[in-house]
Amino acid sequence: MKKLNPPTSIDHNTTFADIIDAKRDAIVKADLQTKKSTVLEKYVEYELHFNNQTIANITPSAFSQGDKNLLACYLSGGTKIAELKKHIKLLQDKYANEKCMYCRIKDPDSYDHFLPKEDYPEFCALGLNLIPCCTTCNKKKDRYWRESGKTGIINFYLDDLPSKQFLFADISLADPATPSITFKIDNRNKITASIFEIIKKHFKRLELLVRYKDKSDTAISELERTLTTFGKKLTVADEVIATLEYAQQLSLDYGVNYWKAVLYEEITKHLIFFETRKKPKM
């Protein structure tokens, strides 16, 4: 998990105005024009809280939940929304665009409205409120974002994510050929309590520990295929070193808490896994 580059360089007011101008339905267009000044006032409030990192203190929406004409600015915003999404993606490095930052499992094939568009329809086309993520995370997050006056999901534009490890893997090798793997989050490295609390809520809401466990067998199979393909003549010690180097590279690319990096580094502590691979098949 790494912080994303926010689309602060975009003229959000112009984007909203252009979306309105592109509307062909005269009734919808007229309705949006009457709401425009209020929306832009709410943009100012959002940006103020964004810059002060107090997004959880934003006031309730100025509009009815699910305002269909405002929602249409995003859902049928045409080329302007497409351009906005493209701009957000272009701001990120290649590793951020390869995997959903919310989970680091799937491709970021959708955009999360950090403040839910149903509850804050005025922000549905605001770039600062759009965070690339996968469809699975988007659905699991749903309209959840705040709990007891504090954010409950990591805001990858705002939150200063720790460089210290908080995700760990436990491996049981009762049967070395089929490792049993579980993941956990732990604050043994003394991460700031406030951000660790958000991390815990984020992992719980998106069911990340279970999802990582479910993917672990595939990740182990990928590792074994890689070792077999590129290291047929490697000794056990060579395979351990190669796996550790691979884990370290993944950590550099995707962050110290990237689940595969954590898994692969942990498995290097279990020589029996590598020794079992080297035994002749009966």
C-alpha atoms as a PDB file:
ATOM      1  CA  MET A   1       0.000   0.000   0.000  1.00  0.00           C
ATOM      2  CA  LYS A   2       1.338   3.362  -1.036  1.00  0.00           C
ATOM      3  CA  LYS A   3      -0.040   6.864  -1.134  1.00  0.00           C
ATOM      4  CA  LEU A   4      -1.510   7.938  -4.474  1.00  0.00           C
ATOM      5  CA  ASN A   5      -0.958  11.265  -6.202  1.00  0.00           C
ATOM      6  CA  PRO A   6      -4.167  13.328  -5.836  1.00  0.00           C
ATOM      7  CA  PRO A   7      -5.615  15.184  -8.831  1.00  0.00           C
ATOM      8  CA  THR A   8      -5.074  18.609  -7.244  1.00  0.00           C
ATOM      9  CA  SER A   9      -3.994  20.208 -10.529  1.00  0.00           C
ATOM     10  CA  ILE A  10      -7.417  19.746 -12.115  1.00  0.00           C
ATOM     11  CA  ASP A  11      -9.752  22.725 -12.368  1.00  0.00           C
ATOM     12  CA  HIS A  12     -12.723  20.959 -10.762  1.00  0.00           C
ATOM     13  CA  ASN A  13     -15.076  23.899 -11.295  1.00  0.00           C
ATOM     14  CA  THR A  14     -14.416  23.899 -15.032  1.00  0.00           C
ATOM     15  CA  THR A  15     -14.866  20.134 -15.213  1.00  0.00           C
ATOM     16  CA  PHE A  16     -18.286  20.393 -13.576  1.00  0.00           C
ATOM     17  CA  ALA A  17     -19.299  23.282 -15.831  1.00  0.00           C
ATOM     18  CA  ASP A  18     -18.207  21.349 -18.923  1.00  0.00           C
ATOM     19  CA  ILE A  19     -20.229  18.310 -17.835  1.00  0.00           C
ATOM     20  CA  ILE A  20     -23.331  20.494 -17.507  1.00  0.00           C
ATOM     21  CA  ASP A  21     -22.733  22.129 -20.894  1.00  0.00           C
ATOM     22  CA  ALA A  22     -22.501  18.721 -22.545  1.00  0.00           C
ATOM     23  CA  LYS A  23     -25.928  17.625 -21.288  1.00  0.00           C
ATOM     24  CA  ARG A  24     -28.452  17.298 -24.098  1.00  0.00           C
ATOM     25  CA  ASP A  25     -31.577  17.022 -21.975  1.00  0.00           C
ATOM     26  CA  ALA A  26     -32.740  20.615 -21.515  1.00  0.00           C
ATOM     27  CA  ILE A  27     -34.620  19.866 -18.280  1.00  0.00           C
ATOM     28  CA  VAL A  28     -31.630  18.098 -16.711  1.00  0.00           C
ATOM     29  CA  LYS A  29     -29.317  20.864 -17.896  1.00  0.00           C
ATOM     30  CA  ALA A  30     -31.529  23.580 -16.409  1.00  0.00           C
ATOM     31  CA  ASP A  31     -31.784  21.736 -13.102  1.00  0.00           C
ATOM     32  CA  LEU A  32     -28.004  21.370 -12.877  1.00  0.00           C
ATOM     33  CA  GLN A  33     -27.527  25.052 -13.687  1.00  0.00           C
ATOM     34  CA  THR A  34     -29.708  25.989 -10.699  1.00  0.00           C
ATOM     35  CA  LYS A  35     -27.621  23.711  -8.467  1.00  0.00           C
ATOM     36  CA  LYS A  36     -24.259  24.753  -9.850  1.00  0.00           C
ATOM     37  CA  SER A  37     -23.425  27.549  -7.391  1.00  0.00           C
ATOM     38  CA  THR A  38     -24.253  25.339  -4.395  1.00  0.00           C
ATOM     39  CA  VAL A  39     -22.155  22.488  -5.803  1.00  0.00           C
ATOM     40  CA  LEU A  40     -19.188  24.803  -6.290  1.00  0.00           C
ATOM     41  CA  GLU A  41     -19.575  26.075  -2.723  1.00  0.00           C
ATOM     42  CA  LYS A  42     -19.454  22.466  -1.546  1.00  0.00           C
ATOM     43  CA  TYR A  43     -16.337  21.956  -3.673  1.00  0.00           C
ATOM     44  CA  VAL A  44     -14.677  24.762  -1.719  1.00  0.00           C
ATOM     45  CA  GLU A  45     -15.632  23.047   1.544  1.00  0.00           C
ATOM     46  CA  TYR A  46     -14.316  19.700   0.321  1.00  0.00           C
ATOM     47  CA  GLU A  47     -10.998  21.186  -0.802  1.00  0.00           C
ATOM     48  CA  LEU A  48     -10.619  23.025   2.511  1.00  0.00           C
ATOM     49  CA  HIS A  49     -11.085  19.805   4.486  1.00  0.00           C
ATOM     50  CA  PHE A  50      -8.930  17.923   1.990  1.00  0.00           C
ATOM     51  CA  ASN A  51      -6.042  20.373   2.399  1.00  0.00           C
ATOM     52  CA  ASN A  52      -6.409  20.348   6.173  1.00  0.00           C
ATOM     53  CA  GLN A  53      -6.770  16.543   6.264  1.00  0.00           C
ATOM     54  CA  THR A  54     -10.067  16.887   8.127  1.00  0.00           C
ATOM     55  CA  ILE A  55     -12.284  15.195   5.544  1.00  0.00           C
ATOM     56  CA  ALA A  56     -14.223  13.343   8.264  1.00  0.00           C
ATOM     57  CA  ASN A  57     -15.545  16.721   9.477  1.00  0.00           C
ATOM     58  CA  ILE A  58     -17.315  17.578   6.251  1.00  0.00           C
ATOM     59  CA  THR A  59     -20.908  18.725   6.715  1.00  0.00           C
ATOM     60  CA  PRO A  60     -23.936  16.787   5.399  1.00  0.00           C
ATOM     61  CA  SER A  61     -24.901  17.021   1.761  1.00  0.00           C
ATOM     62  CA  ALA A  62     -26.735  20.073   0.488  1.00  0.00           C
ATOM     63  CA  PHE A  63     -28.896  17.840  -1.703  1.00  0.00           C
ATOM     64  CA  SER A  64     -31.263  14.905  -1.433  1.00  0.00           C
ATOM     65  CA  GLN A  65     -29.740  11.440  -1.306  1.00  0.00           C
ATOM     66  CA  GLY A  66     -29.410   9.940  -4.746  1.00  0.00           C
ATOM     67  CA  ASP A  67     -30.130  13.189  -6.613  1.00  0.00           C
ATOM     68  CA  LYS A  68     -30.470  11.621 -10.050  1.00  0.00           C
ATOM     69  CA  ASN A  69     -29.391  14.635 -12.089  1.00  0.00           C
ATOM     70  CA  LEU A  70     -26.245  15.182 -10.057  1.00  0.00           C
ATOM     71  CA  LEU A  71     -25.470  11.460 -10.188  1.00  0.00           C
ATOM     72  CA  ALA A  72     -25.860  11.622 -13.951  1.00  0.00           C
ATOM     73  CA  CYS A  73     -22.860  13.953 -14.013  1.00  0.00           C
ATOM     74  CA  TYR A  74     -20.762  10.892 -13.181  1.00  0.00           C
ATOM     75  CA  LEU A  75     -22.835   7.983 -14.454  1.00  0.00           C
ATOM     76  CA  SER A  76     -23.388   9.563 -17.874  1.00  0.00           C
ATOM     77  CA  GLY A  77     -20.770  12.280 -17.833  1.00  0.00           C
ATOM     78  CA  GLY A  78     -19.435  11.259 -21.204  1.00  0.00           C
ATOM     79  CA  THR A  79     -16.008  12.340 -22.402  1.00  0.00           C
ATOM     80  CA  LYS A  80     -15.395  14.728 -19.489  1.00  0.00           C
ATOM     81  CA  ILE A  81     -15.634  11.939 -16.891  1.00  0.00           C
ATOM     82  CA  ALA A  82     -13.544   9.694 -19.125  1.00  0.00           C
ATOM     83  CA  GLU A  83     -10.894  12.434 -19.337  1.00  0.00           C
ATOM     84  CA  LEU A  84     -11.005  12.926 -15.562  1.00  0.00           C
ATOM     85  CA  LYS A  85     -10.488   9.210 -14.913  1.00  0.00           C
ATOM     86  CA  LYS A  86      -7.651   9.084 -17.426  1.00  0.00           C
ATOM     87  CA  HIS A  87      -5.978  12.086 -15.798  1.00  0.00           C
ATOM     88  CA  ILE A  88      -6.146  10.431 -12.366  1.00  0.00           C
ATOM     89  CA  LYS A  89      -4.556   7.263 -13.735  1.00  0.00           C
ATOM     90  CA  LEU A  90      -1.802   9.199 -15.523  1.00  0.00           C
ATOM     91  CA  LEU A  91      -0.806  10.833 -12.244  1.00  0.00           C
ATOM     92  CA  GLN A  92       0.088   7.438 -10.734  1.00  0.00           C
ATOM     93  CA  ASP A  93       3.185   5.317 -11.199  1.00  0.00           C
ATOM     94  CA  LYS A  94       2.919   2.021 -13.068  1.00  0.00           C
ATOM     95  CA  TYR A  95       2.810  -0.060  -9.902  1.00  0.00           C
ATOM     96  CA  ALA A  96      -0.133   1.938  -8.553  1.00  0.00           C
ATOM     97  CA  ASN A  97      -2.023   1.349 -11.797  1.00  0.00           C
ATOM     98  CA  GLU A  98      -1.245  -2.382 -11.881  1.00  0.00           C
ATOM     99  CA  LYS A  99      -3.088  -3.317  -8.696  1.00  0.00           C
ATOM    100  CA  CYS A 100      -5.981  -1.835  -6.719  1.00  0.00           C
ATOM    101  CA  MET A 101      -4.428   0.150  -3.866  1.00  0.00           C
ATOM    102  CA  TYR A 102      -7.273  -0.790  -1.525  1.00  0.00           C
ATOM    103  CA  CYS A 103      -6.412  -4.498  -1.668  1.00  0.00           C
ATOM    104  CA  ARG A 104      -3.394  -4.993  -3.954  1.00  0.00           C
ATOM    105  CA  ILE A 105      -5.051  -8.091  -5.415  1.00  0.00           C
ATOM    106  CA  LYS A 106      -7.016  -7.091  -8.506  1.00  0.00           C
ATOM    107  CA  ASP A 107      -6.763  -4.510 -11.264  1.00  0.00           C
ATOM    108  CA  PRO A 108      -8.125  -1.030 -10.433  1.00  0.00           C
ATOM    109  CA  ASP A 109     -11.024  -1.307 -12.862  1.00  0.00           C
ATOM    110  CA  SER A 110     -13.394   1.133 -11.126  1.00  0.00           C
ATOM    111  CA  TYR A 111     -13.393   4.307  -9.024  1.00  0.00           C
ATOM    112  CA  ASP A 112     -14.462   4.572  -5.421  1.00  0.00           C
ATOM    113  CA  HIS A 113     -16.363   7.672  -4.369  1.00  0.00           C
ATOM    114  CA  PHE A 114     -14.674   8.129  -1.005  1.00  0.00           C
ATOM    115  CA  LEU A 115     -17.668  10.136   0.175  1.00  0.00           C
ATOM    116  CA  PRO A 116     -20.440   7.949  -1.288  1.00  0.00           C
ATOM    117  CA  LYS A 117     -22.110   9.447  -4.321  1.00  0.00           C
ATOM    118  CA  GLU A 118     -25.548   8.413  -3.035  1.00  0.00           C
ATOM    119  CA  ASP A 119     -25.051  10.423   0.174  1.00  0.00           C
ATOM    120  CA  TYR A 120     -23.017  13.265  -1.345  1.00  0.00           C
ATOM    121  CA  PRO A 121     -24.216  13.530  -4.952  1.00  0.00           C
ATOM    122  CA  GLU A 122     -22.545  16.949  -5.320  1.00  0.00           C
ATOM    123  CA  PHE A 123     -19.140  15.233  -5.144  1.00  0.00           C
ATOM    124  CA  CYS A 124     -19.839  12.452  -7.643  1.00  0.00           C
ATOM    125  CA  ALA A 125     -17.787  14.158 -10.380  1.00  0.00           C
ATOM    126  CA  LEU A 126     -15.159  15.733  -8.107  1.00  0.00           C
ATOM    127  CA  GLY A 127     -11.739  14.308  -8.891  1.00  0.00           C
ATOM    128  CA  LEU A 128     -10.523  14.577  -5.290  1.00  0.00           C
ATOM    129  CA  ASN A 129     -13.346  12.227  -4.288  1.00  0.00           C
ATOM    130  CA  LEU A 130     -12.527   9.593  -6.931  1.00  0.00           C
ATOM    131  CA  ILE A 131      -9.976   6.951  -5.989  1.00  0.00           C
ATOM    132  CA  PRO A 132      -9.008   4.124  -8.384  1.00  0.00           C
ATOM    133  CA  CYS A 133      -9.866   0.697  -6.999  1.00  0.00           C
ATOM    134  CA  CYS A 134     -11.154  -2.719  -8.051  1.00  0.00           C
ATOM    135  CA  THR A 135     -14.835  -3.552  -8.362  1.00  0.00           C
ATOM    136  CA  THR A 136     -14.642  -6.008  -5.448  1.00  0.00           C
ATOM    137  CA  CYS A 137     -13.311  -3.387  -3.020  1.00  0.00           C
ATOM    138  CA  ASN A 138     -15.764  -0.825  -4.349  1.00  0.00           C
ATOM    139  CA  LYS A 139     -18.684  -3.127  -3.592  1.00  0.00           C
ATOM    140  CA  LYS A 140     -17.382  -4.130  -0.164  1.00  0.00           C
ATOM    141  CA  LYS A 141     -16.749  -0.535   0.872  1.00  0.00           C
ATOM    142  CA  ASP A 142     -20.172   0.478  -0.460  1.00  0.00           C
ATOM    143  CA  ARG A 143     -21.360   3.613   1.411  1.00  0.00           C
ATOM    144  CA  TYR A 144     -19.084   3.099   4.389  1.00  0.00           C
ATOM    145  CA  TRP A 145     -16.359   5.676   4.926  1.00  0.00           C
ATOM    146  CA  ARG A 146     -16.787   7.191   8.376  1.00  0.00           C
ATOM    147  CA  GLU A 147     -17.414   5.746  11.818  1.00  0.00           C
ATOM    148  CA  SER A 148     -17.866   7.649  15.095  1.00  0.00           C
ATOM    149  CA  GLY A 149     -16.745  10.863  13.424  1.00  0.00           C
ATOM    150  CA  LYS A 150     -13.522   9.363  12.030  1.00  0.00           C
ATOM    151  CA  THR A 151     -12.670   7.859   8.661  1.00  0.00           C
ATOM    152  CA  GLY A 152     -12.837   4.075   8.574  1.00  0.00           C
ATOM    153  CA  ILE A 153     -11.269   3.504   5.154  1.00  0.00           C
ATOM    154  CA  ILE A 154      -7.777   4.550   4.125  1.00  0.00           C
ATOM    155  CA  ASN A 155      -7.868   7.639   1.929  1.00  0.00           C
ATOM    156  CA  PHE A 156      -4.970   6.977  -0.433  1.00  0.00           C
ATOM    157  CA  TYR A 157      -4.774  10.649  -1.403  1.00  0.00           C
ATOM    158  CA  LEU A 158      -4.553  11.888   2.178  1.00  0.00           C
ATOM    159  CA  ASP A 159      -3.428   9.345   4.739  1.00  0.00           C
ATOM    160  CA  ASP A 160       0.286   9.128   5.460  1.00  0.00           C
ATOM    161  CA  LEU A 161       0.763   5.386   5.283  1.00  0.00           C
ATOM    162  CA  PRO A 162       3.450   3.859   7.482  1.00  0.00           C
ATOM    163  CA  SER A 163       6.710   2.616   6.008  1.00  0.00           C
ATOM    164  CA  LYS A 164       6.831   0.030   8.778  1.00  0.00           C
ATOM    165  CA  GLN A 165       5.374  -3.455   8.429  1.00  0.00           C
ATOM    166  CA  PHE A 166       1.966  -4.128   9.942  1.00  0.00           C
ATOM    167  CA  LEU A 167       0.861  -7.078   7.797  1.00  0.00           C
ATOM    168  CA  PHE A 168       2.272 -10.488   8.722  1.00  0.00           C
ATOM    169  CA  ALA A 169       1.807 -14.071   7.559  1.00  0.00           C
ATOM    170  CA  ASP A 170       1.693 -17.227   9.656  1.00  0.00           C
ATOM    171  CA  ILE A 171       2.604 -20.449   7.877  1.00  0.00           C
ATOM    172  CA  SER A 172       1.856 -23.980   9.050  1.00  0.00           C
ATOM    173  CA  LEU A 173       3.768 -26.756   7.312  1.00  0.00           C
ATOM    174  CA  ALA A 174       2.196 -29.838   8.861  1.00  0.00           C
ATOM    175  CA  ASP A 175       2.128 -30.964   5.236  1.00  0.00           C
ATOM    176  CA  PRO A 176       5.116 -29.202   3.616  1.00  0.00           C
ATOM    177  CA  ALA A 177       3.678 -29.769   0.158  1.00  0.00           C
ATOM    178  CA  THR A 178       0.543 -27.763   0.975  1.00  0.00           C
ATOM    179  CA  PRO A 179       1.327 -24.885   3.359  1.00  0.00           C
ATOM    180  CA  SER A 180      -1.543 -23.511   5.435  1.00  0.00           C
ATOM    181  CA  ILE A 181      -1.353 -19.731   5.508  1.00  0.00           C
ATOM    182  CA  THR A 182      -3.118 -17.046   7.498  1.00  0.00           C
ATOM    183  CA  PHE A 183      -2.565 -13.301   7.585  1.00  0.00           C
ATOM    184  CA  LYS A 184      -2.839 -10.852  10.454  1.00  0.00           C
ATOM    185  CA  ILE A 185      -2.226  -7.195  11.178  1.00  0.00           C
ATOM    186  CA  ASP A 186      -0.164  -6.293  14.203  1.00  0.00           C
ATOM    187  CA  ASN A 187       1.252  -3.061  15.579  1.00  0.00           C
ATOM    188  CA  ARG A 188       4.493  -4.560  16.892  1.00  0.00           C
ATOM    189  CA  ASN A 189       6.419  -1.863  15.018  1.00  0.00           C
ATOM    190  CA  LYS A 190       4.643   0.931  16.908  1.00  0.00           C
ATOM    191  CA  ILE A 191       2.797   2.657  14.088  1.00  0.00           C
ATOM    192  CA  THR A 192       0.930   5.805  15.109  1.00  0.00           C
ATOM    193  CA  ALA A 193      -2.264   4.687  16.854  1.00  0.00           C
ATOM    194  CA  SER A 194      -4.612   6.887  14.794  1.00  0.00           C
ATOM    195  CA  ILE A 195      -3.514   5.559  11.406  1.00  0.00           C
ATOM    196  CA  PHE A 196      -3.306   1.981  12.688  1.00  0.00           C
ATOM    197  CA  GLU A 197      -6.937   2.247  13.786  1.00  0.00           C
ATOM    198  CA  ILE A 198      -7.931   3.274  10.259  1.00  0.00           C
ATOM    199  CA  ILE A 199      -5.874   0.403   8.842  1.00  0.00           C
ATOM    200  CA  LYS A 200      -7.684  -2.103  11.081  1.00  0.00           C
ATOM    201  CA  LYS A 201     -11.096  -0.802  10.007  1.00  0.00           C
ATOM    202  CA  HIS A 202     -10.019  -0.760   6.357  1.00  0.00           C
ATOM    203  CA  PHE A 203      -8.885  -4.405   6.501  1.00  0.00           C
ATOM    204  CA  LYS A 204     -12.037  -5.461   8.325  1.00  0.00           C
ATOM    205  CA  ARG A 205     -14.454  -3.723   5.976  1.00  0.00           C
ATOM    206  CA  LEU A 206     -12.763  -5.036   2.830  1.00  0.00           C
ATOM    207  CA  GLU A 207     -12.186  -8.514   4.345  1.00  0.00           C
ATOM    208  CA  LEU A 208      -8.569  -8.359   3.256  1.00  0.00           C
ATOM    209  CA  LEU A 209      -7.116 -10.975   5.598  1.00  0.00           C
ATOM    210  CA  VAL A 210      -9.583 -13.577   4.316  1.00  0.00           C
ATOM    211  CA  ARG A 211      -9.062 -12.514   0.713  1.00  0.00           C
ATOM    212  CA  TYR A 212      -5.282 -12.797   1.083  1.00  0.00           C
ATOM    213  CA  LYS A 213      -5.636 -16.261   2.593  1.00  0.00           C
ATOM    214  CA  ASP A 214      -7.907 -17.310  -0.270  1.00  0.00           C
ATOM    215  CA  LYS A 215      -5.282 -16.153  -2.778  1.00  0.00           C
ATOM    216  CA  SER A 216      -2.282 -17.614  -0.946  1.00  0.00           C
ATOM    217  CA  ASP A 217      -2.416 -21.069  -2.575  1.00  0.00           C
ATOM    218  CA  THR A 218      -2.282 -19.446  -6.010  1.00  0.00           C
ATOM    219  CA  ALA A 219       0.602 -17.215  -4.893  1.00  0.00           C
ATOM    220  CA  ILE A 220       2.556 -20.231  -3.636  1.00  0.00           C
ATOM    221  CA  SER A 221       1.912 -22.080  -6.896  1.00  0.00           C
ATOM    222  CA  GLU A 222       3.189 -19.052  -8.827  1.00  0.00           C
ATOM    223  CA  LEU A 223       6.351 -19.045  -6.719  1.00  0.00           C
ATOM    224  CA  GLU A 224       6.916 -22.760  -7.286  1.00  0.00           C
ATOM    225  CA  ARG A 225       6.444 -22.437 -11.040  1.00  0.00           C
ATOM    226  CA  THR A 226       8.909 -19.546 -11.124  1.00  0.00           C
ATOM    227  CA  LEU A 227      11.523 -21.482  -9.152  1.00  0.00           C
ATOM    228  CA  THR A 228      11.028 -24.560 -11.323  1.00  0.00           C
ATOM    229  CA  THR A 229      11.208 -22.633 -14.585  1.00  0.00           C
ATOM    230  CA  PHE A 230      14.160 -20.398 -13.841  1.00  0.00           C
ATOM    231  CA  GLY A 231      16.007 -22.343 -11.179  1.00  0.00           C
ATOM    232  CA  LYS A 232      16.097 -26.017 -12.102  1.00  0.00           C
ATOM    233  CA  LYS A 233      19.714 -26.279 -10.970  1.00  0.00           C
ATOM    234  CA  LEU A 234      19.329 -24.165  -7.838  1.00  0.00           C
ATOM    235  CA  THR A 235      20.126 -25.675  -4.466  1.00  0.00           C
ATOM    236  CA  VAL A 236      17.766 -25.270  -1.518  1.00  0.00           C
ATOM    237  CA  ALA A 237      19.905 -22.391  -0.269  1.00  0.00           C
ATOM    238  CA  ASP A 238      19.809 -20.767  -3.721  1.00  0.00           C
ATOM    239  CA  GLU A 239      16.013 -21.028  -3.843  1.00  0.00           C
ATOM    240  CA  VAL A 240      15.690 -19.427  -0.409  1.00  0.00           C
ATOM    241  CA  ILE A 241      17.911 -16.525  -1.464  1.00  0.00           C
ATOM    242  CA  ALA A 242      16.064 -16.101  -4.757  1.00  0.00           C
ATOM    243  CA  THR A 243      12.687 -16.081  -2.990  1.00  0.00           C
ATOM    244  CA  LEU A 244      13.886 -13.550  -0.440  1.00  0.00           C
ATOM    245  CA  GLU A 245      15.253 -11.283  -3.163  1.00  0.00           C
ATOM    246  CA  TYR A 246      11.957 -11.568  -5.040  1.00  0.00           C
ATOM    247  CA  ALA A 247      10.028 -10.667  -1.878  1.00  0.00           C
ATOM    248  CA  GLN A 248      12.262  -7.664  -1.311  1.00  0.00           C
ATOM    249  CA  GLN A 249      11.764  -6.469  -4.873  1.00  0.00           C
ATOM    250  CA  LEU A 250       7.984  -6.790  -4.549  1.00  0.00           C
ATOM    251  CA  SER A 251       8.212  -4.818  -1.319  1.00  0.00           C
ATOM    252  CA  LEU A 252      10.060  -2.018  -3.128  1.00  0.00           C
ATOM    253  CA  ASP A 253       7.572  -2.001  -6.002  1.00  0.00           C
ATOM    254  CA  TYR A 254       4.313  -2.323  -4.076  1.00  0.00           C
ATOM    255  CA  GLY A 255       5.126  -1.403  -0.495  1.00  0.00           C
ATOM    256  CA  VAL A 256       6.377  -3.190   2.599  1.00  0.00           C
ATOM    257  CA  ASN A 257       2.852  -4.417   3.396  1.00  0.00           C
ATOM    258  CA  TYR A 258       2.189  -5.945  -0.005  1.00  0.00           C
ATOM    259  CA  TRP A 259       0.672  -9.301   0.854  1.00  0.00           C
ATOM    260  CA  LYS A 260       2.718 -11.380  -1.603  1.00  0.00           C
ATOM    261  CA  ALA A 261       5.966  -9.827  -0.422  1.00  0.00           C
ATOM    262  CA  VAL A 262       4.997 -10.595   3.178  1.00  0.00           C
ATOM    263  CA  LEU A 263       4.066 -14.182   2.255  1.00  0.00           C
ATOM    264  CA  TYR A 264       7.205 -14.916   0.260  1.00  0.00           C
ATOM    265  CA  GLU A 265       9.524 -13.450   2.869  1.00  0.00           C
ATOM    266  CA  GLU A 266       7.847 -15.515   5.591  1.00  0.00           C
ATOM    267  CA  ILE A 267       8.137 -18.740   3.624  1.00  0.00           C
ATOM    268  CA  THR A 268      11.915 -18.292   3.352  1.00  0.00           C
ATOM    269  CA  LYS A 269      12.008 -18.970   7.103  1.00  0.00           C
ATOM    270  CA  HIS A 270      10.740 -22.510   6.491  1.00  0.00           C
ATOM    271  CA  LEU A 271      13.474 -24.578   4.859  1.00  0.00           C
ATOM    272  CA  ILE A 272      11.279 -27.677   4.816  1.00  0.00           C
ATOM    273  CA  PHE A 273       9.125 -26.063   2.100  1.00  0.00           C
ATOM    274  CA  PHE A 274      12.143 -25.816  -0.217  1.00  0.00           C
ATOM    275  CA  GLU A 275      13.593 -29.159   0.827  1.00  0.00           C
ATOM    276  CA  THR A 276      10.302 -30.900   0.031  1.00  0.00           C
ATOM    277  CA  ARG A 277      10.349 -29.372  -3.455  1.00  0.00           C
ATOM    278  CA  LYS A 278      13.750 -30.940  -4.111  1.00  0.00           C
ATOM    279  CA  LYS A 279      12.746 -34.453  -3.132  1.00  0.00           C
ATOM    280  CA  PRO A 280      12.187 -36.828  -6.097  1.00  0.00           C
ATOM    281  CA  LYS A 281       8.527 -37.427  -6.838  1.00  0.00           C
ATOM    282  CA  MET A 282       7.440 -41.021  -6.147  1.00  0.00           C
END
